[in-house]
Amino acid sequence: MNLPEHLLPTTVVGSYPQPDWLVDRAMLSKSVPRTRMREMWRVPEEHLEEAQDAATVVAIRDMERAGIDIVTDGEIRRESYSNRFATALEAVDAEHPAIITSRAGFETPVPRVIGKIRRIRPVELRDMEFLRRNTELSAKITLPGPFTMSQQARNEFYKDDEELAMAFAEAVNAEARDLEKAGADVIQLDEPWVRNNPELARRYAVKAINRALEGISVPTVVHLCFGYAAVVPGSTKPAGYSFLAELADSSAKQISIEAAQPKLDLGVLKDLSNKKIMLGVLDLGDPEIETSEVVAGRIRNGLKYVSADRLVLAPDCGMKYMPRATAFGKLKAMADAAAMVRKEIG
């Protein structure tokens, strides 16, 4: 499978809305779980995989109908973008969690790392194989980044957080190699936490990312964002990234940024002139479906800073917390806008 040859290809960040018959969306909306949230699933365990498969096909077909060029499996089988992979690793204890209190005073249960982290089995391999069987389009799969996972766990074994992040990176790399063999055209690491702790990130995040992507030959992406729009209101989002230019030194071919909702000053992209940019052009905090003309304006703005051959178009973040009709409408507006701008630039 090859990537699309036309300029301004469209993709998604990763997740797509899970249907109400599959998950308790009210429960889902209250948090982004770090441990497991098995009670979120509405379908009994013995039928869950079949139900998730059916919902995954729906997500893939929606992306295809909307005109998306590089599709994912919608992350339908995940309770959050990170917990399914992290809690499947040996020595990551999610059954007896620790509590981490945020600066804002929120308490979150997180897994404890109680020994040497090892990937004892593939975690997302079946997901990738299923996606590959069910679409003729280019296929992307996402993994939680090693720095982010190290920040979402309590370290009770490794000498410091850097050693913990490098252990996670080794596990991610083993998984990524299997996903590439299974037909992934693009592999993306989600690393939103580099923004939460930029001082620590400057010390070893790029080193961990590079270890995680070692030996991967398909295009690779690192995704950054300011948090799900449903969880982090736009009014509290910063105007810029505290950790971005540093990713110029990463081995990732693309950097994915949230730009539409925070109205990011795209001048920051000059520091990433050696990368392709996956640009967020859909504001997921706005319940209205943007017109294709509004989205085209955001694409044109991106083209002032990034050449068309280096620009990939996407929503700001994952879409799992949105109503499905809204998510579909926004994706279609983005695909239509991309077609419009392609004609303009010839």
Protein backbone atom coordinates (compact mmCIF):
# COMPACT_ATOMS: atom_id res chain seq x y z
CA MET A 1 0.00 0.00 0.00
CA ASN A 2 1.39 3.41 -0.96
CA LEU A 3 0.63 6.79 0.53
CA PRO A 4 -1.50 9.20 -1.53
CA GLU A 5 0.49 10.98 -4.22
CA HIS A 6 -1.59 14.16 -4.34
CA LEU A 7 -0.71 17.24 -2.32
CA LEU A 8 -2.44 18.02 0.99
CA PRO A 9 -3.42 14.46 1.98
CA THR A 10 -6.02 14.22 4.75
CA THR A 11 -5.93 11.99 7.81
CA VAL A 12 -7.25 11.74 11.36
CA VAL A 13 -5.23 12.02 14.54
CA GLY A 14 -6.39 8.59 15.65
CA SER A 15 -9.69 8.16 17.47
CA TYR A 16 -13.24 8.32 16.14
CA PRO A 17 -16.48 8.28 18.20
CA GLN A 18 -17.37 4.93 19.73
CA PRO A 19 -21.10 4.12 19.41
CA ASP A 20 -23.43 4.44 22.39
CA TRP A 21 -24.35 0.77 22.14
CA LEU A 22 -20.68 -0.14 22.67
CA VAL A 23 -19.54 2.25 25.42
CA ASP A 24 -21.10 4.26 28.24
CA ARG A 25 -20.28 7.66 26.80
CA ALA A 26 -21.33 9.49 29.97
CA MET A 27 -18.74 7.51 31.92
CA LEU A 28 -16.17 7.98 29.15
CA SER A 29 -16.63 11.75 29.19
CA LYS A 30 -15.57 12.09 32.83
CA SER A 31 -11.90 11.18 32.39
CA VAL A 32 -9.09 9.94 30.16
CA PRO A 33 -8.28 6.70 32.01
CA ARG A 34 -4.68 5.69 32.78
CA THR A 35 -5.60 2.37 34.39
CA ARG A 36 -8.42 0.20 32.99
CA MET A 37 -12.09 1.17 32.78
CA ARG A 38 -13.69 -2.16 31.87
CA GLU A 39 -17.05 -1.03 33.21
CA MET A 40 -17.18 1.50 30.33
CA TRP A 41 -18.02 -1.28 27.85
CA ARG A 42 -21.74 -2.06 27.48
CA VAL A 43 -21.19 -5.44 25.78
CA PRO A 44 -20.42 -8.60 27.81
CA GLU A 45 -16.82 -9.78 27.68
CA GLU A 46 -17.60 -12.86 25.56
CA HIS A 47 -19.07 -10.69 22.77
CA LEU A 48 -16.87 -7.63 23.18
CA GLU A 49 -14.28 -8.34 20.49
CA GLU A 50 -16.94 -9.03 17.88
CA ALA A 51 -18.77 -5.83 18.85
CA GLN A 52 -15.56 -3.81 18.69
CA ASP A 53 -14.83 -5.27 15.25
CA ALA A 54 -18.27 -4.21 13.99
CA ALA A 55 -17.86 -0.69 15.37
CA THR A 56 -14.35 -0.48 13.86
CA VAL A 57 -15.73 -1.24 10.39
CA VAL A 58 -18.27 1.57 10.88
CA ALA A 59 -15.47 4.00 11.79
CA ILE A 60 -13.34 2.97 8.79
CA ARG A 61 -16.30 3.32 6.41
CA ASP A 62 -17.14 6.78 7.80
CA MET A 63 -13.58 7.96 7.14
CA GLU A 64 -13.68 6.51 3.63
CA ARG A 65 -17.09 8.12 2.89
CA ALA A 66 -15.86 11.46 4.21
CA GLY A 67 -12.97 11.37 1.73
CA ILE A 68 -10.08 10.84 4.17
CA ASP A 69 -6.89 9.64 2.47
CA ILE A 70 -5.05 7.98 5.38
CA VAL A 71 -7.44 6.18 7.74
CA THR A 72 -7.09 4.58 11.17
CA ASP A 73 -9.16 1.96 13.00
CA GLY A 74 -10.71 4.79 15.03
CA GLU A 75 -9.08 3.39 18.19
CA ILE A 76 -12.48 1.83 18.83
CA ARG A 77 -11.02 -0.91 21.07
CA ARG A 78 -9.34 1.55 23.44
CA GLU A 79 -10.64 3.10 26.63
CA SER A 80 -8.08 5.86 26.12
CA TYR A 81 -5.32 6.57 23.64
CA SER A 82 -2.67 5.22 26.03
CA ASN A 83 -4.01 2.83 28.66
CA ARG A 84 -4.61 -0.22 26.46
CA PHE A 85 -0.97 -0.48 25.43
CA ALA A 86 0.61 0.67 28.70
CA THR A 87 -1.35 -1.70 30.93
CA ALA A 88 -0.62 -4.71 28.69
CA LEU A 89 3.10 -4.55 29.52
CA GLU A 90 4.69 -6.79 32.15
CA ALA A 91 5.41 -5.06 35.49
CA VAL A 92 2.82 -2.33 34.86
CA ASP A 93 0.32 -2.89 37.70
CA ALA A 94 -3.05 -1.34 36.86
CA GLU A 95 -4.99 -3.43 39.39
CA HIS A 96 -3.42 -1.68 42.42
CA PRO A 97 -3.05 1.90 41.18
CA ALA A 98 -1.32 4.86 42.74
CA ILE A 99 -2.99 8.27 42.86
CA ILE A 100 -1.38 11.28 41.17
CA THR A 101 -2.69 14.74 42.03
CA SER A 102 -2.47 17.35 39.29
CA ARG A 103 -1.53 21.01 39.81
CA ALA A 104 -5.24 21.79 39.63
CA GLY A 105 -5.92 19.32 42.47
CA PHE A 106 -7.50 16.54 40.37
CA GLU A 107 -6.77 13.00 41.53
CA THR A 108 -6.11 10.38 38.86
CA PRO A 109 -5.47 6.66 39.42
CA VAL A 110 -2.35 5.62 37.51
CA PRO A 111 -0.60 2.26 37.11
CA ARG A 112 2.47 1.46 39.21
CA VAL A 113 5.66 0.23 37.58
CA ILE A 114 6.82 -2.49 39.95
CA GLY A 115 9.53 -4.26 37.92
CA LYS A 116 11.28 -4.43 34.57
CA ILE A 117 8.90 -3.42 31.80
CA ARG A 118 8.61 -6.03 29.07
CA ARG A 119 6.30 -6.39 26.09
CA ILE A 120 5.33 -10.01 26.51
CA ARG A 121 2.91 -10.11 23.54
CA PRO A 122 1.73 -7.87 20.70
CA VAL A 123 -1.00 -5.49 21.85
CA GLU A 124 -2.26 -3.73 18.71
CA LEU A 125 -1.18 -6.27 16.09
CA ARG A 126 -4.68 -7.71 15.57
CA ASP A 127 -6.02 -4.13 15.34
CA MET A 128 -3.59 -3.37 12.51
CA GLU A 129 -4.29 -6.64 10.72
CA PHE A 130 -8.04 -5.97 10.95
CA LEU A 131 -7.61 -2.43 9.61
CA ARG A 132 -5.45 -3.65 6.74
CA ARG A 133 -8.06 -6.27 5.78
CA ASN A 134 -10.88 -3.74 5.84
CA THR A 135 -9.60 -0.84 3.75
CA GLU A 136 -7.82 -0.35 0.45
CA LEU A 137 -6.69 3.12 1.56
CA SER A 138 -3.45 4.05 3.28
CA ALA A 139 -3.60 2.95 6.91
CA LYS A 140 -2.15 4.58 10.00
CA ILE A 141 -1.95 3.18 13.52
CA THR A 142 -1.11 5.05 16.70
CA LEU A 143 0.85 4.15 19.83
CA PRO A 144 1.26 6.06 23.08
CA GLY A 145 4.68 7.72 23.23
CA PRO A 146 7.26 6.58 25.79
CA PHE A 147 7.63 9.97 27.48
CA THR A 148 3.87 10.32 27.93
CA MET A 149 3.53 6.80 29.37
CA SER A 150 6.37 7.50 31.81
CA GLN A 151 4.46 10.56 33.06
CA GLN A 152 1.20 8.61 33.43
CA ALA A 153 2.60 5.99 35.81
CA ARG A 154 4.13 5.84 39.29
CA ASN A 155 7.76 4.68 39.04
CA GLU A 156 8.51 2.21 41.83
CA PHE A 157 11.34 0.32 40.15
CA TYR A 158 13.62 2.33 37.83
CA LYS A 159 16.28 4.67 39.19
CA ASP A 160 14.69 7.70 37.54
CA ASP A 161 12.02 8.80 35.05
CA GLU A 162 14.47 8.76 32.15
CA GLU A 163 15.27 5.09 32.66
CA LEU A 164 11.52 4.42 32.87
CA ALA A 165 10.86 6.30 29.61
CA MET A 166 13.61 4.37 27.82
CA ALA A 167 12.09 1.08 29.01
CA PHE A 168 8.72 2.13 27.61
CA ALA A 169 10.50 3.17 24.38
CA GLU A 170 11.93 -0.33 23.97
CA ALA A 171 8.45 -1.84 24.32
CA VAL A 172 6.96 0.67 21.84
CA ASN A 173 9.72 -0.10 19.34
CA ALA A 174 9.05 -3.85 19.46
CA GLU A 175 5.34 -3.15 18.88
CA ALA A 176 5.99 -0.67 16.06
CA ARG A 177 8.17 -3.18 14.20
CA ASP A 178 5.34 -5.74 14.29
CA LEU A 179 2.80 -3.12 13.15
CA GLU A 180 4.97 -2.18 10.19
CA LYS A 181 5.21 -5.84 9.16
CA ALA A 182 1.40 -6.09 9.44
CA GLY A 183 0.95 -3.40 6.80
CA ALA A 184 0.96 -0.05 8.61
CA ASP A 185 1.67 2.72 6.08
CA VAL A 186 2.17 5.31 8.85
CA ILE A 187 2.98 4.87 12.56
CA GLN A 188 2.21 7.67 14.98
CA LEU A 189 3.36 8.24 18.57
CA ASP A 190 1.07 10.32 20.79
CA GLU A 191 3.21 12.51 23.05
CA PRO A 192 0.92 15.20 24.52
CA TRP A 193 2.74 15.16 27.87
CA VAL A 194 5.91 16.76 26.53
CA ARG A 195 3.93 19.99 26.82
CA ASN A 196 2.94 19.30 30.46
CA ASN A 197 6.53 18.91 31.61
CA PRO A 198 8.80 20.63 29.07
CA GLU A 199 11.82 20.79 31.39
CA LEU A 200 11.87 17.02 31.80
CA ALA A 201 11.01 16.56 28.12
CA ARG A 202 14.05 18.59 27.09
CA ARG A 203 16.26 16.19 29.00
CA TYR A 204 15.22 12.94 27.37
CA ALA A 205 11.93 12.97 25.39
CA VAL A 206 13.61 13.11 21.96
CA LYS A 207 16.03 10.35 23.00
CA ALA A 208 13.07 8.16 24.04
CA ILE A 209 11.10 8.96 20.87
CA ASN A 210 14.09 8.08 18.70
CA ARG A 211 14.53 4.76 20.52
CA ALA A 212 10.84 3.99 20.02
CA LEU A 213 11.09 4.66 16.26
CA GLU A 214 14.42 2.91 15.72
CA GLY A 215 14.49 0.78 12.56
CA ILE A 216 11.02 1.85 11.36
CA SER A 217 11.07 2.58 7.64
CA VAL A 218 7.47 3.73 7.01
CA PRO A 219 6.63 7.41 7.69
CA THR A 220 6.45 8.19 11.40
CA VAL A 221 4.58 10.95 13.23
CA VAL A 222 4.79 12.51 16.69
CA HIS A 223 1.46 14.04 17.76
CA LEU A 224 1.26 16.89 20.27
CA CYS A 225 -1.89 18.60 21.49
CA PHE A 226 -3.23 20.69 24.35
CA GLY A 227 -5.75 18.04 25.41
CA TYR A 228 -9.15 16.83 24.19
CA ALA A 229 -11.53 19.75 23.59
CA ALA A 230 -14.19 17.89 25.60
CA VAL A 231 -11.86 17.72 28.61
CA VAL A 232 -9.75 20.89 28.28
CA PRO A 233 -11.82 23.99 27.38
CA GLY A 234 -10.43 26.28 24.71
CA SER A 235 -10.29 29.21 27.13
CA THR A 236 -7.67 27.38 29.20
CA LYS A 237 -5.46 26.33 26.29
CA PRO A 238 -2.13 28.13 25.92
CA ALA A 239 -1.36 30.23 22.85
CA GLY A 240 1.74 28.22 21.99
CA TYR A 241 3.74 25.06 22.58
CA SER A 242 6.32 24.96 25.36
CA PHE A 243 8.04 22.02 23.64
CA LEU A 244 8.02 21.94 19.85
CA ALA A 245 11.24 23.17 18.21
CA GLU A 246 13.09 20.41 20.09
CA LEU A 247 11.34 17.83 17.90
CA ALA A 248 13.43 18.95 14.92
CA ASP A 249 16.05 16.58 16.38
CA SER A 250 13.69 13.61 16.48
CA SER A 251 13.76 10.89 13.84
CA ALA A 252 10.00 11.28 13.23
CA LYS A 253 9.23 12.39 9.67
CA GLN A 254 6.10 14.35 10.65
CA ILE A 255 5.06 16.49 13.59
CA SER A 256 1.33 16.74 14.31
CA ILE A 257 0.07 19.88 16.04
CA GLU A 258 -3.22 21.28 17.29
CA ALA A 259 -3.71 24.67 15.63
CA ALA A 260 -7.40 25.38 14.89
CA GLN A 261 -8.95 25.70 18.37
CA PRO A 262 -6.04 27.57 20.03
CA LYS A 263 -5.58 29.70 16.85
CA LEU A 264 -1.89 28.90 17.02
CA ASP A 265 0.60 31.36 15.51
CA LEU A 266 2.06 29.14 12.79
CA GLY A 267 5.31 31.10 12.76
CA VAL A 268 6.52 28.48 15.25
CA LEU A 269 6.74 26.01 12.38
CA LYS A 270 9.87 27.66 10.99
CA ASP A 271 11.81 25.66 13.61
CA LEU A 272 10.58 22.42 12.02
CA SER A 273 11.59 23.11 8.41
CA ASN A 274 13.09 19.60 8.18
CA LYS A 275 9.73 17.91 8.94
CA LYS A 276 6.37 17.42 7.33
CA ILE A 277 3.63 19.07 9.38
CA MET A 278 0.34 17.36 10.20
CA LEU A 279 -1.71 20.50 10.78
CA GLY A 280 -4.87 20.62 12.90
CA VAL A 281 -7.46 22.42 10.76
CA LEU A 282 -10.66 21.27 12.54
CA ASP A 283 -11.65 22.91 15.84
CA LEU A 284 -13.04 20.05 17.94
CA GLY A 285 -14.16 22.46 20.66
CA ASP A 286 -16.74 23.96 18.30
CA PRO A 287 -19.91 21.83 18.20
CA GLU A 288 -20.80 23.34 14.82
CA ILE A 289 -19.54 21.65 11.66
CA GLU A 290 -17.24 24.11 9.94
CA THR A 291 -17.94 24.95 6.31
CA SER A 292 -15.38 23.75 3.82
CA GLU A 293 -14.58 27.42 3.13
CA VAL A 294 -13.64 28.02 6.79
CA VAL A 295 -11.40 24.96 6.77
CA ALA A 296 -9.89 26.02 3.43
CA GLY A 297 -8.96 29.33 5.05
CA ARG A 298 -7.03 27.46 7.75
CA ILE A 299 -5.27 25.39 5.09
CA ARG A 300 -4.33 28.53 3.15
CA ASN A 301 -2.96 30.02 6.36
CA GLY A 302 -0.84 26.89 6.87
CA LEU A 303 0.52 27.23 3.34
CA LYS A 304 1.98 30.63 4.26
CA TYR A 305 4.38 28.79 6.59
CA VAL A 306 4.69 25.28 5.15
CA SER A 307 5.03 24.28 1.48
CA ALA A 308 2.21 22.16 0.08
CA ASP A 309 4.46 19.11 -0.31
CA ARG A 310 5.15 19.20 3.46
CA LEU A 311 1.57 19.64 4.68
CA VAL A 312 -0.77 16.89 5.88
CA LEU A 313 -4.28 17.89 7.05
CA ALA A 314 -6.00 16.56 10.16
CA PRO A 315 -8.34 17.46 13.01
CA ASP A 316 -6.71 19.10 16.04
CA CYS A 317 -6.92 15.95 18.13
CA GLY A 318 -8.73 12.65 18.47
CA MET A 319 -12.50 12.76 17.85
CA LYS A 320 -13.70 10.11 20.32
CA TYR A 321 -15.59 12.53 22.60
CA MET A 322 -17.72 14.02 19.79
CA PRO A 323 -21.11 12.95 18.42
CA ARG A 324 -20.52 10.73 15.39
CA ALA A 325 -22.57 12.93 13.02
CA THR A 326 -20.47 15.95 14.00
CA ALA A 327 -17.20 14.06 13.57
CA PHE A 328 -18.25 12.82 10.14
CA GLY A 329 -19.41 16.28 9.04
CA LYS A 330 -16.16 17.88 10.11
CA LEU A 331 -14.07 15.25 8.30
CA LYS A 332 -16.10 15.73 5.12
CA ALA A 333 -15.63 19.52 5.35
CA MET A 334 -11.88 18.97 5.67
CA ALA A 335 -11.73 16.62 2.67
CA ASP A 336 -13.80 19.06 0.57
CA ALA A 337 -11.61 21.97 1.67
CA ALA A 338 -8.44 20.06 0.76
CA ALA A 339 -9.84 19.37 -2.73
CA MET A 340 -10.70 23.07 -3.10
CA VAL A 341 -7.21 24.26 -2.13
CA ARG A 342 -5.53 21.60 -4.29
CA LYS A 343 -7.29 23.10 -7.33
CA GLU A 344 -6.15 26.60 -6.36
CA ILE A 345 -2.48 25.63 -6.14
CA GLY A 346 -2.61 23.56 -9.30
